[in-house]
N, C-alpha and C. Protein backbone atom coordinates (compact mmCIF):
# COMPACT_ATOMS: atom_id res chain seq x y z
N MET A 1 -13.29 7.32 9.32
CA MET A 1 -12.18 5.90 9.23
C MET A 1 -12.60 6.14 7.50
N GLN A 2 -12.94 6.70 6.96
CA GLN A 2 -12.84 6.39 5.01
C GLN A 2 -11.02 7.48 5.93
N ASN A 3 -11.20 8.39 6.11
CA ASN A 3 -9.66 9.26 6.07
C ASN A 3 -8.47 8.22 6.70
N PHE A 4 -9.09 7.65 7.29
CA PHE A 4 -7.28 7.13 8.66
C PHE A 4 -7.06 5.70 7.04
N LEU A 5 -8.25 5.24 6.03
CA LEU A 5 -8.54 3.41 5.90
C LEU A 5 -7.25 4.25 4.85
N LYS A 6 -7.46 5.06 4.40
CA LYS A 6 -6.46 5.88 2.85
C LYS A 6 -5.19 6.02 3.43
N LYS A 7 -5.22 6.70 4.90
CA LYS A 7 -3.44 7.34 4.46
C LYS A 7 -2.90 5.89 5.20
N LEU A 8 -3.62 4.42 5.91
CA LEU A 8 -2.98 3.25 5.80
C LEU A 8 -2.52 2.62 4.27
N THR A 9 -3.46 3.35 3.41
CA THR A 9 -3.17 2.52 1.99
C THR A 9 -2.61 3.79 0.94
N SER A 10 -1.76 4.01 2.18
CA SER A 10 -0.73 5.34 1.36
C SER A 10 0.27 5.26 0.37
N ARG A 11 0.83 5.15 -0.80
CA ARG A 11 1.93 4.96 -1.00
C ARG A 11 3.44 4.64 -0.50
N LYS A 12 2.94 6.26 -0.02
CA LYS A 12 4.26 7.18 0.84
C LYS A 12 4.41 5.97 2.63
N PHE A 13 2.83 5.53 3.08
CA PHE A 13 2.51 5.08 4.44
C PHE A 13 3.26 3.44 3.61
N LEU A 14 3.07 2.40 3.40
CA LEU A 14 3.58 1.57 2.08
C LEU A 14 4.52 1.98 3.18
N ALA A 15 5.65 2.90 1.54
CA ALA A 15 6.96 2.84 1.78
C ALA A 15 8.52 2.66 2.84
N ALA A 16 7.18 3.67 3.70
CA ALA A 16 7.97 3.87 4.82
C ALA A 16 8.66 2.72 6.00
N LEU A 17 6.67 1.48 6.29
CA LEU A 17 7.33 0.99 6.43
C LEU A 17 8.08 -0.53 5.78
N ALA A 18 8.07 -0.59 4.51
CA ALA A 18 8.63 -1.70 3.54
C ALA A 18 10.58 -0.72 4.12
N GLY A 19 9.99 0.22 4.35
CA GLY A 19 11.58 1.01 4.46
C GLY A 19 12.40 0.37 6.90
N VAL A 20 10.99 0.45 7.05
CA VAL A 20 11.46 0.16 8.59
C VAL A 20 11.69 -1.78 8.76
N ALA A 21 10.39 -2.23 8.37
CA ALA A 21 11.17 -3.61 7.66
C ALA A 21 12.38 -4.43 7.51
N THR A 22 13.05 -3.29 5.94
CA THR A 22 13.41 -4.24 5.88
C THR A 22 15.35 -3.72 6.48
N GLY A 23 14.87 -2.63 7.49
CA GLY A 23 15.66 -1.75 8.03
C GLY A 23 16.14 -2.52 9.45
N LEU A 24 15.03 -3.14 10.15
CA LEU A 24 14.45 -4.55 10.67
C LEU A 24 14.88 -6.10 10.91
N ALA A 25 15.21 -5.82 9.39
CA ALA A 25 15.85 -7.76 9.34
C ALA A 25 16.87 -7.49 8.70
N MET A 26 17.72 -6.20 8.24
CA MET A 26 18.91 -5.89 9.05
C MET A 26 19.48 -6.09 10.08
N VAL A 27 19.08 -5.29 10.73
CA VAL A 27 19.37 -5.69 12.78
C VAL A 27 19.12 -6.80 12.86
N PHE A 28 18.75 -7.52 12.27
CA PHE A 28 18.45 -9.36 13.33
C PHE A 28 19.23 -10.43 11.84
N GLY A 29 19.86 -8.99 11.32
CA GLY A 29 21.00 -10.51 10.20
C GLY A 29 20.48 -11.25 9.57
N VAL A 30 19.68 -10.86 8.55
CA VAL A 30 18.09 -11.90 8.02
C VAL A 30 19.09 -11.49 6.78
N ASP A 31 19.21 -12.32 5.32
CA ASP A 31 19.50 -12.83 4.46
C ASP A 31 19.26 -11.18 3.54
N GLU A 32 20.93 -10.91 2.49
CA GLU A 32 20.46 -9.82 1.96
C GLU A 32 19.15 -10.38 0.84
N THR A 33 19.43 -11.64 -0.17
CA THR A 33 17.94 -12.42 -0.87
C THR A 33 16.71 -12.65 -0.06
N THR A 34 16.47 -11.77 1.21
CA THR A 34 15.42 -12.47 1.29
C THR A 34 14.39 -11.12 1.35
N ILE A 35 15.40 -10.49 2.50
CA ILE A 35 15.47 -9.28 2.13
C ILE A 35 14.67 -8.19 1.47
N SER A 36 15.68 -8.97 -0.02
CA SER A 36 16.00 -7.94 -1.61
C SER A 36 14.32 -8.12 -2.07
N THR A 37 14.06 -9.63 -1.89
CA THR A 37 12.43 -10.72 -1.55
C THR A 37 11.08 -9.99 -0.88
N VAL A 38 11.76 -10.53 -0.06
CA VAL A 38 10.03 -8.93 0.55
C VAL A 38 10.24 -7.72 -0.27
N ALA A 39 10.73 -7.23 -0.03
CA ALA A 39 10.50 -5.72 -0.26
C ALA A 39 10.27 -5.43 -1.22
N GLY A 40 9.56 -6.70 -2.67
CA GLY A 40 9.99 -6.30 -3.35
C GLY A 40 8.19 -6.92 -4.06
N ALA A 41 8.24 -8.26 -2.87
CA ALA A 41 6.29 -8.12 -2.35
C ALA A 41 6.24 -6.57 -2.11
N VAL A 42 5.92 -6.34 -0.29
CA VAL A 42 5.55 -5.12 -0.45
C VAL A 42 5.94 -4.46 -0.95
N THR A 43 5.94 -3.52 -2.51
CA THR A 43 6.15 -3.43 -3.00
C THR A 43 4.85 -3.63 -4.14
N THR A 44 5.13 -4.61 -4.62
CA THR A 44 4.31 -5.07 -5.31
C THR A 44 2.70 -5.17 -5.09
N VAL A 45 2.74 -5.75 -3.94
CA VAL A 45 1.13 -5.50 -3.19
C VAL A 45 1.35 -3.93 -3.02
N ALA A 46 1.69 -3.44 -2.50
CA ALA A 46 0.99 -2.41 -1.78
C ALA A 46 1.14 -1.53 -3.48
N SER A 47 1.55 -1.76 -4.92
CA SER A 47 0.61 -0.85 -5.70
C SER A 47 -1.12 -1.71 -6.19
N VAL A 48 -0.56 -2.14 -5.86
CA VAL A 48 -1.57 -2.99 -5.84
C VAL A 48 -3.19 -3.17 -5.01
N VAL A 49 -2.60 -2.75 -3.93
CA VAL A 49 -4.16 -2.47 -3.22
C VAL A 49 -4.58 -0.85 -3.18
N SER A 50 -3.25 -0.09 -4.07
CA SER A 50 -3.59 1.29 -3.52
C SER A 50 -4.19 1.80 -4.93
N TYR A 51 -3.87 0.72 -6.07
CA TYR A 51 -4.50 0.50 -7.54
C TYR A 51 -6.07 -0.07 -6.85
N ILE A 52 -6.29 -0.59 -6.25
CA ILE A 52 -7.63 -0.94 -6.26
C ILE A 52 -8.81 -0.17 -5.32
N MET A 53 -7.78 0.54 -4.58
CA MET A 53 -8.48 1.39 -3.79
C MET A 53 -8.96 2.67 -4.61
N SER A 54 -8.23 3.30 -5.59
CA SER A 54 -8.83 3.92 -6.10
C SER A 54 -9.21 3.53 -7.51
N GLU A 55 -9.95 3.25 -7.76
CA GLU A 55 -10.22 2.91 -8.81
C GLU A 55 -11.79 2.17 -8.49
N GLY A 56 -11.67 1.67 -7.04
CA GLY A 56 -13.12 1.41 -6.35
C GLY A 56 -13.62 2.92 -5.66
N MET A 57 -12.71 4.09 -5.31
CA MET A 57 -12.64 5.13 -4.81
C MET A 57 -13.77 5.92 -6.08
N VAL A 58 -13.40 5.94 -7.20
CA VAL A 58 -13.26 6.46 -8.27
C VAL A 58 -15.21 5.98 -9.13
N ASP A 59 -14.94 4.51 -9.26
CA ASP A 59 -15.91 3.60 -9.05
C ASP A 59 -17.96 4.16 -8.27
N ALA A 60 -17.44 4.05 -6.95
CA ALA A 60 -18.58 5.00 -6.16
C ALA A 60 -18.73 6.28 -6.21
N ALA A 61 -17.41 7.12 -6.98
CA ALA A 61 -17.99 8.19 -6.96
C ALA A 61 -19.10 8.34 -8.08
N ALA A 62 -18.48 7.19 -9.37
CA ALA A 62 -19.38 7.50 -10.65
C ALA A 62 -20.89 7.14 -10.42
N VAL A 63 -21.25 6.58 -9.29
CA VAL A 63 -22.29 5.50 -9.08
C VAL A 63 -23.51 6.91 -8.28
N GLY A 64 -22.91 7.56 -7.28
CA GLY A 64 -22.72 8.89 -6.39
C GLY A 64 -23.67 9.46 -7.33
N ALA A 65 -22.22 9.82 -8.75
CA ALA A 65 -23.16 10.94 -9.67
C ALA A 65 -24.22 10.84 -11.02
N GLY A 66 -24.09 9.99 -10.82
CA GLY A 66 -25.27 8.92 -11.63
C GLY A 66 -26.69 9.06 -10.75
N LYS A 67 -26.46 8.85 -9.92
CA LYS A 67 -28.00 8.96 -9.01
C LYS A 67 -28.55 10.72 -8.33
N ASP A 68 -27.66 11.75 -8.62
CA ASP A 68 -27.37 12.54 -8.49
C ASP A 68 -29.18 13.06 -9.71
N LYS A 69 -28.54 12.95 -10.91
CA LYS A 69 -29.34 13.13 -11.65
C LYS A 69 -30.90 12.66 -11.49
């Protein structure tokens, strides 16, 4: 399960998802300004989520290493 969540929050997957969403928005005639705004928001959220997840894993590993001593 942990590996699955890691794949869902990977930057590559989120970039691909943003690309699909952008493509679909263009197909359905959404305004270019709206598409740019949404793509920017997705990029920002993806960066923040990736940072939080990676820092959480580093902290969890540090706590686990401290218990072994």
